[in-house]
Amino acid sequence: MTAGVKRFGDGGQIAILGAGSMGRLWAALLPSSRCGFLPRLDSFGQTAERSNIAPEDGTGHRGSFSRLEGTPETRCEYVLVSSASPDIGVARTLVNLPWLCSAADISLLLVTTKAGDTLSALESWLPYIAKDTPVVLFQNGLGSQQAVTERWPGRPILAASTTEGANRPEPDVLVHAGAGDTWVGPLTDSASDYTESVVQQLAQSGLQVHTENSIVQRLWQKLVVNAGINAFTALLDCPNGAIVDAPLYRQTIDGLCTEIAALLQANTGERTAPQALRKRIEAVAKSTTNNTSSMRADVNAGRKTEIDFINGYLVQCGQRHGIATPVNQMLVQRVQAL
């Protein structure tokens, strides 16, 4: 048995870094006795030194995090709203989990921050978490995952691609808007020994979780769909299903899919016809017709979007491979201007 597999038998803490919709969904469904949120140290105006955190010393020993006076709360409380069954209807569950005060017992770290915040959030915490602790990245798009693996190539870094839907119509309310599937796979060499254990751990949530050894390919498949839906929902301020009849979408989707098809082949070797990509995008838009994309929610809440890691990532890929991406560039510029 590898050290990675053995660690999951010790009942350590599942720490969640990022208390947005996806982080709160997993926290609500995983065993509550083992879950807690890690605070974003920069959001409290703290540094590692000021917070009395002792770094991981190279032998596996981790230090503790001592909360400063004035930190606004010690627990994260919210209501999970989900569909129970046709007979019962909507179920409401009160969730009350701690903001963790120590990094000493963390055996699994789930990172559910926005893509643009991931690297800085991990810079604040990973020095104080044992080097053999698996880290699972749940970010939308691509680019942030590569940045993390380049920064910490020796750590067991995994990525997750999920079709679970969740949103927060109010600050203290989380809606599980749609059940889906989650795939987890290794990004670094050392992560391969941990994948099965991580999948088993996450499956305790009751959600459908699968092993995916080609996780980058899976992330590309989700990127294709996000690139064809999210920006349009933000620009049109509409739910997913409404984009397919909008003039902006209908006038640009074929050009967008032509660009994506060329980029997909250049980056992954996959050959898919543009019309097949459009069909896939519209199937997802219609199956999630009433859902609000994370990008639309970010725009409406005045938050920075993840456009740089979705259509913006495709623009960067085009620049690397000499592939023109005028529709992707247009979508990036228009979303950034909102």
C-alpha atoms as a PDB file:
ATOM      1  CA  MET A   1       0.000   0.000   0.000  1.00  0.00           C
ATOM      2  CA  THR A   2       1.371   3.411  -0.906  1.00  0.00           C
ATOM      3  CA  ALA A   3       1.745   6.182   1.622  1.00  0.00           C
ATOM      4  CA  GLY A   4      -0.937   8.093  -0.251  1.00  0.00           C
ATOM      5  CA  VAL A   5      -3.514   5.361   0.181  1.00  0.00           C
ATOM      6  CA  LYS A   6      -2.622   4.824   3.811  1.00  0.00           C
ATOM      7  CA  ARG A   7      -3.183   8.477   4.709  1.00  0.00           C
ATOM      8  CA  PHE A   8      -6.887   8.203   4.010  1.00  0.00           C
ATOM      9  CA  GLY A   9      -7.390   5.694   6.759  1.00  0.00           C
ATOM     10  CA  ASP A  10      -6.327   8.087   9.483  1.00  0.00           C
ATOM     11  CA  GLY A  11      -9.470  10.213   9.593  1.00  0.00           C
ATOM     12  CA  GLY A  12      -7.675  13.460   8.855  1.00  0.00           C
ATOM     13  CA  GLN A  13      -9.372  16.723   8.022  1.00  0.00           C
ATOM     14  CA  ILE A  14     -10.807  17.526   4.595  1.00  0.00           C
ATOM     15  CA  ALA A  15      -9.962  21.188   4.116  1.00  0.00           C
ATOM     16  CA  ILE A  16     -11.767  23.291   1.529  1.00  0.00           C
ATOM     17  CA  LEU A  17     -10.043  26.398   0.241  1.00  0.00           C
ATOM     18  CA  GLY A  18     -12.676  28.583  -1.395  1.00  0.00           C
ATOM     19  CA  ALA A  19     -16.115  29.069   0.159  1.00  0.00           C
ATOM     20  CA  GLY A  20     -18.006  29.841  -3.038  1.00  0.00           C
ATOM     21  CA  SER A  21     -20.798  27.759  -4.535  1.00  0.00           C
ATOM     22  CA  MET A  22     -18.756  24.682  -5.444  1.00  0.00           C
ATOM     23  CA  GLY A  23     -16.772  24.650  -2.217  1.00  0.00           C
ATOM     24  CA  ARG A  24     -19.940  24.938  -0.165  1.00  0.00           C
ATOM     25  CA  LEU A  25     -21.599  22.145  -2.134  1.00  0.00           C
ATOM     26  CA  TRP A  26     -18.850  19.643  -1.387  1.00  0.00           C
ATOM     27  CA  ALA A  27     -18.585  20.807   2.203  1.00  0.00           C
ATOM     28  CA  ALA A  28     -22.311  20.307   2.718  1.00  0.00           C
ATOM     29  CA  LEU A  29     -22.306  16.759   1.356  1.00  0.00           C
ATOM     30  CA  LEU A  30     -19.040  15.316   2.678  1.00  0.00           C
ATOM     31  CA  PRO A  31     -18.892  13.994   6.290  1.00  0.00           C
ATOM     32  CA  SER A  32     -19.385  17.091   8.424  1.00  0.00           C
ATOM     33  CA  SER A  33     -17.178  15.781  11.236  1.00  0.00           C
ATOM     34  CA  ARG A  34     -14.174  15.927   8.927  1.00  0.00           C
ATOM     35  CA  CYS A  35     -14.844  19.054   6.839  1.00  0.00           C
ATOM     36  CA  GLY A  36     -13.905  22.645   7.330  1.00  0.00           C
ATOM     37  CA  PHE A  37     -13.003  25.748   5.349  1.00  0.00           C
ATOM     38  CA  LEU A  38      -9.546  27.288   5.169  1.00  0.00           C
ATOM     39  CA  PRO A  39      -9.684  31.080   5.367  1.00  0.00           C
ATOM     40  CA  ARG A  40      -8.100  33.145   2.650  1.00  0.00           C
ATOM     41  CA  LEU A  41      -5.328  34.764   4.668  1.00  0.00           C
ATOM     42  CA  ASP A  42      -5.104  37.740   2.337  1.00  0.00           C
ATOM     43  CA  SER A  43      -8.819  38.424   2.793  1.00  0.00           C
ATOM     44  CA  PHE A  44      -8.151  38.982   6.485  1.00  0.00           C
ATOM     45  CA  GLY A  45      -5.138  41.183   5.793  1.00  0.00           C
ATOM     46  CA  GLN A  46      -2.869  38.570   7.311  1.00  0.00           C
ATOM     47  CA  THR A  47       0.487  37.126   6.367  1.00  0.00           C
ATOM     48  CA  ALA A  48       1.926  33.795   7.415  1.00  0.00           C
ATOM     49  CA  GLU A  49       4.215  35.449   9.936  1.00  0.00           C
ATOM     50  CA  ARG A  50       1.463  37.568  11.480  1.00  0.00           C
ATOM     51  CA  SER A  51      -0.833  34.544  11.700  1.00  0.00           C
ATOM     52  CA  ASN A  52       1.639  32.426  13.696  1.00  0.00           C
ATOM     53  CA  ILE A  53       1.776  29.613  11.138  1.00  0.00           C
ATOM     54  CA  ALA A  54       4.792  27.341  11.381  1.00  0.00           C
ATOM     55  CA  PRO A  55       5.845  26.022   7.964  1.00  0.00           C
ATOM     56  CA  GLU A  56       5.973  22.355   7.098  1.00  0.00           C
ATOM     57  CA  ASP A  57       9.504  21.394   8.137  1.00  0.00           C
ATOM     58  CA  GLY A  58      10.340  18.836   5.451  1.00  0.00           C
ATOM     59  CA  THR A  59       9.692  15.858   7.719  1.00  0.00           C
ATOM     60  CA  GLY A  60       5.932  15.974   7.326  1.00  0.00           C
ATOM     61  CA  HIS A  61       5.280  18.008  10.500  1.00  0.00           C
ATOM     62  CA  ARG A  62       2.855  20.857  10.013  1.00  0.00           C
ATOM     63  CA  GLY A  63       2.368  23.977  12.016  1.00  0.00           C
ATOM     64  CA  SER A  64      -0.782  25.540  13.391  1.00  0.00           C
ATOM     65  CA  PHE A  65      -2.720  28.578  12.323  1.00  0.00           C
ATOM     66  CA  SER A  66      -3.680  30.941  15.147  1.00  0.00           C
ATOM     67  CA  ARG A  67      -6.550  33.258  14.319  1.00  0.00           C
ATOM     68  CA  LEU A  68      -5.959  36.922  15.043  1.00  0.00           C
ATOM     69  CA  GLU A  69      -8.351  39.013  17.035  1.00  0.00           C
ATOM     70  CA  GLY A  70     -10.880  40.676  14.823  1.00  0.00           C
ATOM     71  CA  THR A  71     -11.389  37.783  12.417  1.00  0.00           C
ATOM     72  CA  PRO A  72     -15.120  38.130  11.710  1.00  0.00           C
ATOM     73  CA  GLU A  73     -16.327  34.567  12.223  1.00  0.00           C
ATOM     74  CA  THR A  74     -15.295  31.108  13.344  1.00  0.00           C
ATOM     75  CA  ARG A  75     -17.954  29.095  11.502  1.00  0.00           C
ATOM     76  CA  CYS A  76     -19.524  29.161   8.059  1.00  0.00           C
ATOM     77  CA  GLU A  77     -23.285  28.709   8.202  1.00  0.00           C
ATOM     78  CA  TYR A  78     -25.657  28.454   5.242  1.00  0.00           C
ATOM     79  CA  VAL A  79     -28.713  26.607   3.963  1.00  0.00           C
ATOM     80  CA  LEU A  80     -28.404  23.945   1.260  1.00  0.00           C
ATOM     81  CA  VAL A  81     -31.451  23.814  -1.020  1.00  0.00           C
ATOM     82  CA  SER A  82     -31.809  20.704  -3.159  1.00  0.00           C
ATOM     83  CA  SER A  83     -34.443  18.601  -4.869  1.00  0.00           C
ATOM     84  CA  ALA A  84     -35.188  15.614  -2.653  1.00  0.00           C
ATOM     85  CA  SER A  85     -37.825  13.629  -4.569  1.00  0.00           C
ATOM     86  CA  PRO A  86     -41.092  14.247  -6.425  1.00  0.00           C
ATOM     87  CA  ASP A  87     -42.991  13.367  -3.223  1.00  0.00           C
ATOM     88  CA  ILE A  88     -40.960  15.500  -0.845  1.00  0.00           C
ATOM     89  CA  GLY A  89     -40.076  18.332  -3.221  1.00  0.00           C
ATOM     90  CA  VAL A  90     -37.388  20.803  -2.199  1.00  0.00           C
ATOM     91  CA  ALA A  91     -35.218  19.883   0.795  1.00  0.00           C
ATOM     92  CA  ARG A  92     -33.509  22.481   2.980  1.00  0.00           C
ATOM     93  CA  THR A  93     -30.525  21.539   5.138  1.00  0.00           C
ATOM     94  CA  LEU A  94     -28.704  23.800   7.565  1.00  0.00           C
ATOM     95  CA  VAL A  95     -24.937  23.541   7.158  1.00  0.00           C
ATOM     96  CA  ASN A  96     -22.634  24.750   9.913  1.00  0.00           C
ATOM     97  CA  LEU A  97     -18.912  24.111   9.450  1.00  0.00           C
ATOM     98  CA  PRO A  98     -15.793  25.605  11.013  1.00  0.00           C
ATOM     99  CA  TRP A  99     -13.191  27.910   9.595  1.00  0.00           C
ATOM    100  CA  LEU A 100     -10.161  25.765  10.383  1.00  0.00           C
ATOM    101  CA  CYS A 101      -7.733  27.100  12.970  1.00  0.00           C
ATOM    102  CA  SER A 102      -4.951  24.607  12.208  1.00  0.00           C
ATOM    103  CA  ALA A 103      -3.305  22.997   9.211  1.00  0.00           C
ATOM    104  CA  ALA A 104      -1.959  20.160  11.336  1.00  0.00           C
ATOM    105  CA  ASP A 105      -4.554  17.463  10.574  1.00  0.00           C
ATOM    106  CA  ILE A 106      -5.297  18.119   6.903  1.00  0.00           C
ATOM    107  CA  SER A 107      -5.213  14.886   4.875  1.00  0.00           C
ATOM    108  CA  LEU A 108      -7.006  16.191   1.763  1.00  0.00           C
ATOM    109  CA  LEU A 109      -7.193  19.708   0.340  1.00  0.00           C
ATOM    110  CA  LEU A 110      -9.968  20.702  -2.076  1.00  0.00           C
ATOM    111  CA  VAL A 111      -9.309  23.987  -3.877  1.00  0.00           C
ATOM    112  CA  THR A 112     -12.516  25.620  -5.081  1.00  0.00           C
ATOM    113  CA  THR A 113     -11.351  29.203  -5.502  1.00  0.00           C
ATOM    114  CA  LYS A 114     -11.874  31.175  -8.687  1.00  0.00           C
ATOM    115  CA  ALA A 115      -9.244  30.303 -11.282  1.00  0.00           C
ATOM    116  CA  GLY A 116      -7.534  33.681 -11.012  1.00  0.00           C
ATOM    117  CA  ASP A 117      -7.206  33.366  -7.229  1.00  0.00           C
ATOM    118  CA  THR A 118      -5.883  29.814  -7.086  1.00  0.00           C
ATOM    119  CA  LEU A 119      -2.142  30.377  -7.205  1.00  0.00           C
ATOM    120  CA  SER A 120      -2.089  33.136  -4.584  1.00  0.00           C
ATOM    121  CA  ALA A 121      -4.439  31.201  -2.292  1.00  0.00           C
ATOM    122  CA  LEU A 122      -2.202  28.144  -2.422  1.00  0.00           C
ATOM    123  CA  GLU A 123       0.937  30.257  -1.947  1.00  0.00           C
ATOM    124  CA  SER A 124      -0.546  31.281   1.406  1.00  0.00           C
ATOM    125  CA  TRP A 125      -1.231  27.739   2.630  1.00  0.00           C
ATOM    126  CA  LEU A 126       0.867  25.028   0.998  1.00  0.00           C
ATOM    127  CA  PRO A 127       4.062  25.861   2.924  1.00  0.00           C
ATOM    128  CA  TYR A 128       2.180  24.824   6.080  1.00  0.00           C
ATOM    129  CA  ILE A 129       0.598  21.604   4.776  1.00  0.00           C
ATOM    130  CA  ALA A 130       2.485  18.301   4.523  1.00  0.00           C
ATOM    131  CA  LYS A 131       4.060  17.710   1.129  1.00  0.00           C
ATOM    132  CA  ASP A 132       2.320  14.344   0.681  1.00  0.00           C
ATOM    133  CA  THR A 133      -1.174  15.803   1.145  1.00  0.00           C
ATOM    134  CA  PRO A 134      -3.193  15.429  -2.078  1.00  0.00           C
ATOM    135  CA  VAL A 135      -4.503  18.683  -3.529  1.00  0.00           C
ATOM    136  CA  VAL A 136      -7.561  18.618  -5.814  1.00  0.00           C
ATOM    137  CA  LEU A 137      -8.168  21.591  -8.135  1.00  0.00           C
ATOM    138  CA  PHE A 138     -11.803  22.301  -9.110  1.00  0.00           C
ATOM    139  CA  GLN A 139     -11.233  25.404 -11.246  1.00  0.00           C
ATOM    140  CA  ASN A 140     -13.133  26.255 -14.423  1.00  0.00           C
ATOM    141  CA  GLY A 141     -11.251  26.518 -17.685  1.00  0.00           C
ATOM    142  CA  LEU A 142      -7.556  25.850 -18.149  1.00  0.00           C
ATOM    143  CA  GLY A 143      -4.376  27.699 -17.286  1.00  0.00           C
ATOM    144  CA  SER A 144      -4.624  27.852 -13.507  1.00  0.00           C
ATOM    145  CA  GLN A 145      -3.998  24.103 -13.206  1.00  0.00           C
ATOM    146  CA  GLN A 146      -0.803  24.341 -15.245  1.00  0.00           C
ATOM    147  CA  ALA A 147       0.390  27.257 -13.115  1.00  0.00           C
ATOM    148  CA  VAL A 148      -0.076  25.217  -9.927  1.00  0.00           C
ATOM    149  CA  THR A 149       1.740  22.136 -11.236  1.00  0.00           C
ATOM    150  CA  GLU A 150       4.622  24.264 -12.497  1.00  0.00           C
ATOM    151  CA  ARG A 151       4.916  25.886  -9.069  1.00  0.00           C
ATOM    152  CA  TRP A 152       4.717  22.624  -7.073  1.00  0.00           C
ATOM    153  CA  PRO A 153       5.724  19.764  -9.432  1.00  0.00           C
ATOM    154  CA  GLY A 154       6.694  17.458  -6.568  1.00  0.00           C
ATOM    155  CA  ARG A 155       3.347  17.588  -4.780  1.00  0.00           C
ATOM    156  CA  PRO A 156       0.412  15.245  -5.502  1.00  0.00           C
ATOM    157  CA  ILE A 157      -1.766  17.655  -7.505  1.00  0.00           C
ATOM    158  CA  LEU A 158      -5.018  16.370  -9.027  1.00  0.00           C
ATOM    159  CA  ALA A 159      -7.739  18.072 -11.027  1.00  0.00           C
ATOM    160  CA  ALA A 160     -11.499  17.599 -10.939  1.00  0.00           C
ATOM    161  CA  SER A 161     -13.946  18.264 -13.745  1.00  0.00           C
ATOM    162  CA  THR A 162     -17.545  18.419 -12.615  1.00  0.00           C
ATOM    163  CA  THR A 163     -20.963  18.938 -14.136  1.00  0.00           C
ATOM    164  CA  GLU A 164     -22.610  19.503 -10.749  1.00  0.00           C
ATOM    165  CA  GLY A 165     -24.588  22.737 -10.746  1.00  0.00           C
ATOM    166  CA  ALA A 166     -24.651  25.071  -7.744  1.00  0.00           C
ATOM    167  CA  ASN A 167     -25.350  28.747  -7.197  1.00  0.00           C
ATOM    168  CA  ARG A 168     -25.906  31.219  -4.377  1.00  0.00           C
ATOM    169  CA  PRO A 169     -28.993  33.383  -4.958  1.00  0.00           C
ATOM    170  CA  GLU A 170     -28.385  34.840  -1.483  1.00  0.00           C
ATOM    171  CA  PRO A 171     -25.153  34.975   0.557  1.00  0.00           C
ATOM    172  CA  ASP A 172     -26.329  32.350   3.042  1.00  0.00           C
ATOM    173  CA  VAL A 173     -28.262  30.128   0.631  1.00  0.00           C
ATOM    174  CA  LEU A 174     -26.721  27.496  -1.648  1.00  0.00           C
ATOM    175  CA  VAL A 175     -28.855  25.874  -4.344  1.00  0.00           C
ATOM    176  CA  HIS A 176     -27.789  22.496  -5.726  1.00  0.00           C
ATOM    177  CA  ALA A 177     -29.237  23.297  -9.137  1.00  0.00           C
ATOM    178  CA  GLY A 178     -28.432  20.095 -10.958  1.00  0.00           C
ATOM    179  CA  ALA A 179     -26.923  16.683 -10.284  1.00  0.00           C
ATOM    180  CA  GLY A 180     -24.066  15.651 -12.534  1.00  0.00           C
ATOM    181  CA  ASP A 181     -20.799  13.749 -12.531  1.00  0.00           C
ATOM    182  CA  THR A 182     -17.309  14.525 -11.288  1.00  0.00           C
ATOM    183  CA  TRP A 183     -14.103  13.107 -12.743  1.00  0.00           C
ATOM    184  CA  VAL A 184     -10.815  13.215 -10.835  1.00  0.00           C
ATOM    185  CA  GLY A 185      -7.338  12.497 -12.171  1.00  0.00           C
ATOM    186  CA  PRO A 186      -3.646  13.190 -11.600  1.00  0.00           C
ATOM    187  CA  LEU A 187      -1.807  16.235 -12.919  1.00  0.00           C
ATOM    188  CA  THR A 188       1.596  15.438 -11.378  1.00  0.00           C
ATOM    189  CA  ASP A 189       3.440  12.116 -11.325  1.00  0.00           C
ATOM    190  CA  SER A 190       3.120  11.609  -7.567  1.00  0.00           C
ATOM    191  CA  ALA A 191      -0.657  12.183  -7.704  1.00  0.00           C
ATOM    192  CA  SER A 192      -1.244   8.863  -9.480  1.00  0.00           C
ATOM    193  CA  ASP A 193      -0.824   6.956  -6.203  1.00  0.00           C
ATOM    194  CA  TYR A 194      -3.597   9.014  -4.593  1.00  0.00           C
ATOM    195  CA  THR A 195      -6.270   9.104  -7.274  1.00  0.00           C
ATOM    196  CA  GLU A 196      -8.314   6.071  -6.196  1.00  0.00           C
ATOM    197  CA  SER A 197      -8.259   7.126  -2.551  1.00  0.00           C
ATOM    198  CA  VAL A 198      -9.320  10.670  -3.406  1.00  0.00           C
ATOM    199  CA  VAL A 199     -12.194   9.368  -5.549  1.00  0.00           C
ATOM    200  CA  GLN A 200     -13.348   7.077  -2.714  1.00  0.00           C
ATOM    201  CA  GLN A 201     -13.140   9.985  -0.301  1.00  0.00           C
ATOM    202  CA  LEU A 202     -15.174  12.332  -2.486  1.00  0.00           C
ATOM    203  CA  ALA A 203     -17.745   9.618  -3.220  1.00  0.00           C
ATOM    204  CA  GLN A 204     -18.749   9.778   0.452  1.00  0.00           C
ATOM    205  CA  SER A 205     -20.650  12.910  -0.585  1.00  0.00           C
ATOM    206  CA  GLY A 206     -23.196  10.749  -2.394  1.00  0.00           C
ATOM    207  CA  LEU A 207     -22.319  12.458  -5.672  1.00  0.00           C
ATOM    208  CA  GLN A 208     -21.178  10.498  -8.722  1.00  0.00           C
ATOM    209  CA  VAL A 209     -17.369  10.559  -8.708  1.00  0.00           C
ATOM    210  CA  HIS A 210     -15.156   8.752 -11.229  1.00  0.00           C
ATOM    211  CA  THR A 211     -11.467   8.154 -11.857  1.00  0.00           C
ATOM    212  CA  GLU A 212     -10.142   9.827 -15.003  1.00  0.00           C
ATOM    213  CA  ASN A 213      -6.498   9.161 -15.841  1.00  0.00           C
ATOM    214  CA  SER A 214      -6.664  11.524 -18.834  1.00  0.00           C
ATOM    215  CA  ILE A 215      -7.964  14.428 -16.808  1.00  0.00           C
ATOM    216  CA  VAL A 216      -6.515  17.164 -19.048  1.00  0.00           C
ATOM    217  CA  GLN A 217      -8.505  15.773 -21.962  1.00  0.00           C
ATOM    218  CA  ARG A 218     -11.617  15.850 -19.750  1.00  0.00           C
ATOM    219  CA  LEU A 219     -10.886  19.460 -18.773  1.00  0.00           C
ATOM    220  CA  TRP A 220     -10.663  20.348 -22.457  1.00  0.00           C
ATOM    221  CA  GLN A 221     -14.088  18.830 -23.069  1.00  0.00           C
ATOM    222  CA  LYS A 222     -15.583  21.013 -20.346  1.00  0.00           C
ATOM    223  CA  LEU A 223     -13.664  24.027 -21.644  1.00  0.00           C
ATOM    224  CA  VAL A 224     -15.313  23.572 -25.042  1.00  0.00           C
ATOM    225  CA  VAL A 225     -18.778  23.757 -23.475  1.00  0.00           C
ATOM    226  CA  ASN A 226     -17.940  26.645 -21.153  1.00  0.00           C
ATOM    227  CA  ALA A 227     -16.424  28.613 -24.033  1.00  0.00           C
ATOM    228  CA  GLY A 228     -19.635  28.191 -25.998  1.00  0.00           C
ATOM    229  CA  ILE A 229     -22.048  29.093 -23.190  1.00  0.00           C
ATOM    230  CA  ASN A 230     -20.658  31.202 -20.364  1.00  0.00           C
ATOM    231  CA  ALA A 231     -19.626  34.368 -22.180  1.00  0.00           C
ATOM    232  CA  PHE A 232     -22.927  34.536 -24.055  1.00  0.00           C
ATOM    233  CA  THR A 233     -24.952  34.203 -20.841  1.00  0.00           C
ATOM    234  CA  ALA A 234     -22.931  37.020 -19.278  1.00  0.00           C
ATOM    235  CA  LEU A 235     -23.270  39.323 -22.297  1.00  0.00           C
ATOM    236  CA  LEU A 236     -26.968  38.601 -22.744  1.00  0.00           C
ATOM    237  CA  ASP A 237     -27.708  38.360 -18.994  1.00  0.00           C
ATOM    238  CA  CYS A 238     -29.783  35.244 -19.512  1.00  0.00           C
ATOM    239  CA  PRO A 239     -29.937  31.627 -18.327  1.00  0.00           C
ATOM    240  CA  ASN A 240     -28.099  28.965 -20.312  1.00  0.00           C
ATOM    241  CA  GLY A 241     -30.976  27.809 -22.493  1.00  0.00           C
ATOM    242  CA  ALA A 242     -31.868  31.277 -23.744  1.00  0.00           C
ATOM    243  CA  ILE A 243     -28.605  31.827 -25.629  1.00  0.00           C
ATOM    244  CA  VAL A 244     -29.435  29.475 -28.521  1.00  0.00           C
ATOM    245  CA  ASP A 245     -32.101  31.810 -29.957  1.00  0.00           C
ATOM    246  CA  ALA A 246     -30.207  35.051 -29.390  1.00  0.00           C
ATOM    247  CA  PRO A 247     -28.889  36.878 -32.504  1.00  0.00           C
ATOM    248  CA  LEU A 248     -25.412  37.335 -30.998  1.00  0.00           C
ATOM    249  CA  TYR A 249     -25.081  33.596 -30.458  1.00  0.00           C
ATOM    250  CA  ARG A 250     -26.539  32.567 -33.795  1.00  0.00           C
ATOM    251  CA  GLN A 251     -24.303  34.998 -35.701  1.00  0.00           C
ATOM    252  CA  THR A 252     -21.056  33.892 -34.041  1.00  0.00           C
ATOM    253  CA  ILE A 253     -21.363  30.280 -32.837  1.00  0.00           C
ATOM    254  CA  ASP A 254     -20.232  28.661 -36.105  1.00  0.00           C
ATOM    255  CA  GLY A 255     -17.108  30.804 -36.234  1.00  0.00           C
ATOM    256  CA  LEU A 256     -16.452  30.087 -32.569  1.00  0.00           C
ATOM    257  CA  CYS A 257     -16.757  26.331 -33.084  1.00  0.00           C
ATOM    258  CA  THR A 258     -14.418  26.477 -36.091  1.00  0.00           C
ATOM    259  CA  GLU A 259     -11.808  28.132 -33.890  1.00  0.00           C
ATOM    260  CA  ILE A 260     -12.308  25.657 -31.062  1.00  0.00           C
ATOM    261  CA  ALA A 261     -12.069  22.663 -33.405  1.00  0.00           C
ATOM    262  CA  ALA A 262      -8.693  23.847 -34.713  1.00  0.00           C
ATOM    263  CA  LEU A 263      -7.412  24.551 -31.193  1.00  0.00           C
ATOM    264  CA  LEU A 264      -8.643  21.199 -29.900  1.00  0.00           C
ATOM    265  CA  GLN A 265      -6.739  19.358 -32.608  1.00  0.00           C
ATOM    266  CA  ALA A 266      -3.584  21.419 -32.128  1.00  0.00           C
ATOM    267  CA  ASN A 267      -3.520  20.952 -28.355  1.00  0.00           C
ATOM    268  CA  THR A 268      -4.889  17.451 -27.848  1.00  0.00           C
ATOM    269  CA  GLY A 269      -4.832  15.751 -31.242  1.00  0.00           C
ATOM    270  CA  GLU A 270      -8.616  15.310 -31.141  1.00  0.00           C
ATOM    271  CA  ARG A 271     -10.373  15.841 -34.468  1.00  0.00           C
ATOM    272  CA  THR A 272     -13.969  17.015 -34.027  1.00  0.00           C
ATOM    273  CA  ALA A 273     -16.058  18.766 -36.637  1.00  0.00           C
ATOM    274  CA  PRO A 274     -17.226  22.280 -35.733  1.00  0.00           C
ATOM    275  CA  GLN A 275     -20.863  21.258 -36.176  1.00  0.00           C
ATOM    276  CA  ALA A 276     -20.381  18.415 -33.674  1.00  0.00           C
ATOM    277  CA  LEU A 277     -19.018  20.929 -31.167  1.00  0.00           C
ATOM    278  CA  ARG A 278     -22.019  23.205 -31.715  1.00  0.00           C
ATOM    279  CA  LYS A 279     -24.352  20.273 -31.189  1.00  0.00           C
ATOM    280  CA  ARG A 280     -22.574  19.418 -27.918  1.00  0.00           C
ATOM    281  CA  ILE A 281     -22.701  23.006 -26.676  1.00  0.00           C
ATOM    282  CA  GLU A 282     -26.398  23.387 -27.448  1.00  0.00           C
ATOM    283  CA  ALA A 283     -27.253  20.027 -25.875  1.00  0.00           C
ATOM    284  CA  VAL A 284     -25.706  21.206 -22.597  1.00  0.00           C
ATOM    285  CA  ALA A 285     -27.331  24.640 -22.851  1.00  0.00           C
ATOM    286  CA  LYS A 286     -30.747  23.041 -23.302  1.00  0.00           C
ATOM    287  CA  SER A 287     -30.258  20.401 -20.594  1.00  0.00           C
ATOM    288  CA  THR A 288     -29.343  23.186 -18.148  1.00  0.00           C
ATOM    289  CA  THR A 289     -31.811  25.621 -19.645  1.00  0.00           C
ATOM    290  CA  ASN A 290     -32.755  27.440 -16.427  1.00  0.00           C
ATOM    291  CA  ASN A 291     -29.282  27.451 -14.868  1.00  0.00           C
ATOM    292  CA  THR A 292     -27.244  30.600 -14.360  1.00  0.00           C
ATOM    293  CA  SER A 293     -23.628  30.210 -15.434  1.00  0.00           C
ATOM    294  CA  SER A 294     -20.893  31.162 -13.002  1.00  0.00           C
ATOM    295  CA  MET A 295     -19.789  33.924 -15.369  1.00  0.00           C
ATOM    296  CA  ARG A 296     -23.231  35.513 -15.496  1.00  0.00           C
ATOM    297  CA  ALA A 297     -23.414  35.282 -11.696  1.00  0.00           C
ATOM    298  CA  ASP A 298     -19.989  36.927 -11.375  1.00  0.00           C
ATOM    299  CA  VAL A 299     -20.953  39.808 -13.638  1.00  0.00           C
ATOM    300  CA  ASN A 300     -24.225  40.394 -11.811  1.00  0.00           C
ATOM    301  CA  ALA A 301     -22.418  40.344  -8.455  1.00  0.00           C
ATOM    302  CA  GLY A 302     -19.706  42.727  -9.644  1.00  0.00           C
ATOM    303  CA  ARG A 303     -16.978  40.069  -9.333  1.00  0.00           C
ATOM    304  CA  LYS A 304     -14.067  39.439 -11.681  1.00  0.00           C
ATOM    305  CA  THR A 305     -14.994  36.709 -14.152  1.00  0.00           C
ATOM    306  CA  GLU A 306     -12.975  33.673 -15.266  1.00  0.00           C
ATOM    307  CA  ILE A 307     -13.058  34.711 -18.942  1.00  0.00           C
ATOM    308  CA  ASP A 308      -9.224  34.752 -19.051  1.00  0.00           C
ATOM    309  CA  PHE A 309      -9.195  31.024 -18.265  1.00  0.00           C
ATOM    310  CA  ILE A 310     -11.963  30.058 -20.701  1.00  0.00           C
ATOM    311  CA  ASN A 311     -12.147  31.993 -23.986  1.00  0.00           C
ATOM    312  CA  GLY A 312      -8.998  33.875 -22.960  1.00  0.00           C
ATOM    313  CA  TYR A 313      -7.119  30.591 -22.626  1.00  0.00           C
ATOM    314  CA  LEU A 314      -8.235  29.665 -26.142  1.00  0.00           C
ATOM    315  CA  VAL A 315      -6.880  32.993 -27.433  1.00  0.00           C
ATOM    316  CA  GLN A 316      -3.516  32.207 -25.804  1.00  0.00           C
ATOM    317  CA  CYS A 317      -3.510  28.744 -27.369  1.00  0.00           C
ATOM    318  CA  GLY A 318      -4.217  30.318 -30.741  1.00  0.00           C
ATOM    319  CA  GLN A 319      -1.273  32.656 -30.335  1.00  0.00           C
ATOM    320  CA  ARG A 320       1.018  29.730 -29.509  1.00  0.00           C
ATOM    321  CA  HIS A 321      -0.113  27.679 -32.498  1.00  0.00           C
ATOM    322  CA  GLY A 322      -0.620  30.454 -35.039  1.00  0.00           C
ATOM    323  CA  ILE A 323      -4.403  29.929 -35.157  1.00  0.00           C
ATOM    324  CA  ALA A 324      -6.628  32.992 -35.570  1.00  0.00           C
ATOM    325  CA  THR A 325      -9.274  33.366 -32.846  1.00  0.00           C
ATOM    326  CA  PRO A 326     -11.307  36.504 -33.679  1.00  0.00           C
ATOM    327  CA  VAL A 327     -14.581  35.287 -32.118  1.00  0.00           C
ATOM    328  CA  ASN A 328     -12.893  34.248 -28.884  1.00  0.00           C
ATOM    329  CA  GLN A 329     -11.074  37.572 -28.775  1.00  0.00           C
ATOM    330  CA  MET A 330     -14.350  39.446 -29.297  1.00  0.00           C
ATOM    331  CA  LEU A 331     -16.033  37.544 -26.449  1.00  0.00           C
ATOM    332  CA  VAL A 332     -13.099  38.195 -24.094  1.00  0.00           C
ATOM    333  CA  GLN A 333     -13.059  41.902 -24.857  1.00  0.00           C
ATOM    334  CA  ARG A 334     -16.812  42.310 -24.490  1.00  0.00           C
ATOM    335  CA  VAL A 335     -16.987  40.405 -21.194  1.00  0.00           C
ATOM    336  CA  GLN A 336     -14.032  42.356 -19.802  1.00  0.00           C
ATOM    337  CA  ALA A 337     -15.853  45.571 -20.729  1.00  0.00           C
ATOM    338  CA  LEU A 338     -18.966  44.685 -18.679  1.00  0.00           C
END
